[in-house]
Structure formats: C-alpha cells, structure tokens
C-alpha atoms as a PDB file:
ATOM      1  CA  UNK A   1      21.685 135.697  18.019  1.00  0.00           C
ATOM      2  CA  UNK A   2      19.900 132.678  19.497  1.00  0.00           C
ATOM      3  CA  UNK A   3      16.177 132.408  20.048  1.00  0.00           C
ATOM      4  CA  UNK A   4      15.524 131.479  23.711  1.00  0.00           C
ATOM      5  CA  UNK A   5      12.103 129.972  22.932  1.00  0.00           C
ATOM      6  CA  UNK A   6      13.337 127.914  19.986  1.00  0.00           C
ATOM      7  CA  UNK A   7      10.795 129.415  17.546  1.00  0.00           C
ATOM      8  CA  UNK A   8      11.505 128.460  13.950  1.00  0.00           C
ATOM      9  CA  UNK A   9       8.780 130.462  12.154  1.00  0.00           C
ATOM     10  CA  UNK A  10       5.145 129.696  11.304  1.00  0.00           C
ATOM     11  CA  UNK A  11       5.918 126.323   9.660  1.00  0.00           C
ATOM     12  CA  UNK A  12       7.329 124.979  12.929  1.00  0.00           C
ATOM     13  CA  UNK A  13       3.853 124.689  14.424  1.00  0.00           C
ATOM     14  CA  UNK A  14       2.707 122.074  11.872  1.00  0.00           C
ATOM     15  CA  UNK A  15       3.415 118.328  11.939  1.00  0.00           C
ATOM     16  CA  UNK A  16       6.888 117.196  11.000  1.00  0.00           C
ATOM     17  CA  UNK A  17       7.838 114.507   8.517  1.00  0.00           C
ATOM     18  CA  UNK A  18      10.069 111.537   9.391  1.00  0.00           C
ATOM     19  CA  UNK A  19      13.218 113.549   8.632  1.00  0.00           C
ATOM     20  CA  UNK A  20      12.149 116.362  10.981  1.00  0.00           C
ATOM     21  CA  UNK A  21      11.238 118.932   8.323  1.00  0.00           C
ATOM     22  CA  UNK A  22       7.756 120.488   8.613  1.00  0.00           C
ATOM     23  CA  UNK A  23       5.094 119.049   6.294  1.00  0.00           C
ATOM     24  CA  UNK A  24       3.115 121.352   4.061  1.00  0.00           C
ATOM     25  CA  UNK A  25      -0.556 121.618   5.071  1.00  0.00           C
ATOM     26  CA  UNK A  26      -2.893 119.732   2.770  1.00  0.00           C
ATOM     27  CA  UNK A  27      -5.137 121.788   0.510  1.00  0.00           C
ATOM     28  CA  UNK A  28      -8.845 121.341   1.215  1.00  0.00           C
ATOM     29  CA  UNK A  29     -10.407 119.010  -1.297  1.00  0.00           C
ATOM     30  CA  UNK A  30     -13.156 120.270  -3.567  1.00  0.00           C
ATOM     31  CA  UNK A  31     -16.482 118.524  -3.020  1.00  0.00           C
ATOM     32  CA  UNK A  32     -16.807 115.601  -5.371  1.00  0.00           C
ATOM     33  CA  UNK A  33     -19.662 115.496  -7.820  1.00  0.00           C
ATOM     34  CA  UNK A  34     -21.915 112.481  -7.771  1.00  0.00           C
ATOM     35  CA  UNK A  35     -20.621 110.193 -10.497  1.00  0.00           C
ATOM     36  CA  UNK A  36     -23.268 111.192 -13.042  1.00  0.00           C
ATOM     37  CA  UNK A  37     -23.921 114.841 -12.058  1.00  0.00           C
ATOM     38  CA  UNK A  38     -22.180 116.382 -15.080  1.00  0.00           C
ATOM     39  CA  UNK A  39     -24.069 114.029 -17.389  1.00  0.00           C
ATOM     40  CA  UNK A  40     -27.385 115.013 -15.814  1.00  0.00           C
ATOM     41  CA  UNK A  41     -26.574 118.731 -16.095  1.00  0.00           C
ATOM     42  CA  UNK A  42     -25.689 118.292 -19.793  1.00  0.00           C
ATOM     43  CA  UNK A  43     -28.915 116.345 -20.360  1.00  0.00           C
ATOM     44  CA  UNK A  44     -30.916 119.176 -18.758  1.00  0.00           C
ATOM     45  CA  UNK A  45     -29.219 121.691 -21.088  1.00  0.00           C
ATOM     46  CA  UNK A  46     -30.174 119.516 -24.075  1.00  0.00           C
ATOM     47  CA  UNK A  47     -33.787 119.255 -22.939  1.00  0.00           C
ATOM     48  CA  UNK A  48     -34.041 123.015 -22.410  1.00  0.00           C
ATOM     49  CA  UNK A  49     -32.731 123.680 -25.917  1.00  0.00           C
ATOM     50  CA  UNK A  50     -34.522 120.906 -27.816  1.00  0.00           C
ATOM     51  CA  UNK A  51     -37.915 120.297 -26.245  1.00  0.00           C
ATOM     52  CA  UNK A  52     -41.006 122.492 -26.110  1.00  0.00           C
ATOM     53  CA  UNK A  53     -39.079 125.482 -24.771  1.00  0.00           C
ATOM     54  CA  UNK A  54     -36.233 125.920 -27.207  1.00  0.00           C
ATOM     55  CA  UNK A  55     -34.762 127.933 -24.326  1.00  0.00           C
ATOM     56  CA  UNK A  56     -31.129 128.931 -24.808  1.00  0.00           C
ATOM     57  CA  UNK A  57     -31.115 131.761 -22.250  1.00  0.00           C
ATOM     58  CA  UNK A  58     -30.851 129.392 -19.280  1.00  0.00           C
ATOM     59  CA  UNK A  59     -27.600 127.819 -18.098  1.00  0.00           C
ATOM     60  CA  UNK A  60     -27.030 124.909 -15.753  1.00  0.00           C
ATOM     61  CA  UNK A  61     -23.555 124.450 -14.268  1.00  0.00           C
ATOM     62  CA  UNK A  62     -22.105 122.184 -11.615  1.00  0.00           C
ATOM     63  CA  UNK A  63     -20.222 124.347  -9.085  1.00  0.00           C
ATOM     64  CA  UNK A  64     -18.866 123.549  -5.620  1.00  0.00           C
ATOM     65  CA  UNK A  65     -20.989 120.467  -5.071  1.00  0.00           C
ATOM     66  CA  UNK A  66     -24.278 121.962  -6.295  1.00  0.00           C
ATOM     67  CA  UNK A  67     -25.967 122.780  -9.593  1.00  0.00           C
ATOM     68  CA  UNK A  68     -26.663 126.435 -10.417  1.00  0.00           C
ATOM     69  CA  UNK A  69     -29.526 127.043 -12.867  1.00  0.00           C
ATOM     70  CA  UNK A  70     -29.508 130.686 -14.007  1.00  0.00           C
ATOM     71  CA  UNK A  71     -30.931 132.819 -16.772  1.00  0.00           C
ATOM     72  CA  UNK A  72     -33.797 134.918 -18.075  1.00  0.00           C
ATOM     73  CA  UNK A  73     -37.000 133.587 -19.643  1.00  0.00           C
ATOM     74  CA  UNK A  74     -39.851 135.394 -21.435  1.00  0.00           C
ATOM     75  CA  UNK A  75     -42.766 134.307 -19.206  1.00  0.00           C
ATOM     76  CA  UNK A  76     -43.743 132.901 -15.824  1.00  0.00           C
ATOM     77  CA  UNK A  77     -45.043 129.780 -17.573  1.00  0.00           C
ATOM     78  CA  UNK A  78     -41.633 129.258 -19.213  1.00  0.00           C
ATOM     79  CA  UNK A  79     -39.936 129.719 -15.824  1.00  0.00           C
ATOM     80  CA  UNK A  80     -42.168 127.052 -14.273  1.00  0.00           C
ATOM     81  CA  UNK A  81     -41.344 124.667 -17.127  1.00  0.00           C
ATOM     82  CA  UNK A  82     -37.595 125.265 -16.638  1.00  0.00           C
ATOM     83  CA  UNK A  83     -37.916 124.599 -12.907  1.00  0.00           C
ATOM     84  CA  UNK A  84     -39.977 121.435 -13.521  1.00  0.00           C
ATOM     85  CA  UNK A  85     -37.383 120.092 -15.967  1.00  0.00           C
ATOM     86  CA  UNK A  86     -34.589 120.893 -13.500  1.00  0.00           C
ATOM     87  CA  UNK A  87     -36.429 119.013 -10.731  1.00  0.00           C
ATOM     88  CA  UNK A  88     -36.920 116.002 -13.027  1.00  0.00           C
ATOM     89  CA  UNK A  89     -33.346 115.841 -14.323  1.00  0.00           C
ATOM     90  CA  UNK A  90     -31.503 116.810 -11.148  1.00  0.00           C
ATOM     91  CA  UNK A  91     -33.508 114.961  -8.476  1.00  0.00           C
ATOM     92  CA  UNK A  92     -31.286 114.140  -5.519  1.00  0.00           C
ATOM     93  CA  UNK A  93     -28.736 116.903  -6.266  1.00  0.00           C
ATOM     94  CA  UNK A  94     -28.493 120.257  -4.523  1.00  0.00           C
ATOM     95  CA  UNK A  95     -29.871 122.833  -6.965  1.00  0.00           C
ATOM     96  CA  UNK A  96     -29.793 126.631  -6.690  1.00  0.00           C
ATOM     97  CA  UNK A  97     -32.043 128.473  -9.140  1.00  0.00           C
ATOM     98  CA  UNK A  98     -31.957 132.082 -10.244  1.00  0.00           C
ATOM     99  CA  UNK A  99     -34.267 132.126 -13.253  1.00  0.00           C
ATOM    100  CA  UNK A 100     -35.981 135.474 -13.769  1.00  0.00           C
ATOM    101  CA  UNK A 101     -38.827 136.545 -16.042  1.00  0.00           C
ATOM    102  CA  UNK A 102     -38.025 139.339 -18.502  1.00  0.00           C
ATOM    103  CA  UNK A 103     -40.321 142.348 -18.295  1.00  0.00           C
ATOM    104  CA  UNK A 104     -42.132 142.481 -21.630  1.00  0.00           C
ATOM    105  CA  UNK A 105     -45.110 144.699 -20.769  1.00  0.00           C
ATOM    106  CA  UNK A 106     -45.456 148.156 -22.259  1.00  0.00           C
ATOM    107  CA  UNK A 107     -44.389 150.974 -19.984  1.00  0.00           C
ATOM    108  CA  UNK A 108     -47.354 152.550 -18.173  1.00  0.00           C
ATOM    109  CA  UNK A 109     -45.834 156.062 -18.223  1.00  0.00           C
ATOM    110  CA  UNK A 110     -43.474 158.131 -20.317  1.00  0.00           C
ATOM    111  CA  UNK A 111     -39.809 158.193 -19.440  1.00  0.00           C
ATOM    112  CA  UNK A 112     -38.763 161.551 -18.045  1.00  0.00           C
ATOM    113  CA  UNK A 113     -35.369 162.801 -19.187  1.00  0.00           C
ATOM    114  CA  UNK A 114     -33.671 165.633 -17.350  1.00  0.00           C
END
C-alpha cells in the first residue's frame, strides 16, 4: 500500500547525506575540561592527604565541566581548611562543594527503643 504523504519514518525528518540517505543525528559533546583541570584536581587531592589535614575522607572529581568536592570531616575548622585549599587550587573552575561535618558530640538524651 502506498503512503499518500510520502512519510518514510522518523529518520526522514533529519538532514540527508549526498546519496539521499538520512544522516544520523550527532551526539551532544561532553563539556571539555580546561587543559589542566584534572591535574589541578589531583594536586588538591594530594594536598588534602599530605598537608596539615591528612584528610582522606574528602574526594574531588571532575564531572560534567565542574569539580565536585565531597566528603565528611571531623570539625568545622577542618571543613574551612578544605574549602580554602579547594579555592586556592581550583581558582577559575566551577566548583560544587558538599563537605559536611561529622557529629562527634555526646548525645544529650538516652535513645528510646520500642
């Protein structure tokens, strides 16, 4: 049976190549990292582990054009130091931080079990 409209399926709406066959749509490109972003992230990881903090509970990863700094630290002072180091090492990059302080205080009441 013929198609009066001449519809050839969803691929027919895209551009055609020189031989008349439809071209495949191009995949969106991932955002490119600045040429030294991975190096700077690795250097931050080294500083967190080696310097005054000795902090291994924090990770820095380059994802989708930005750096994610995540983890848990033992004190607010440690968190501020991590954020300062991240600002120093990653200046000019987009940085998302999710560094939380672990609760280390004694409980102020007894736990009630049912």
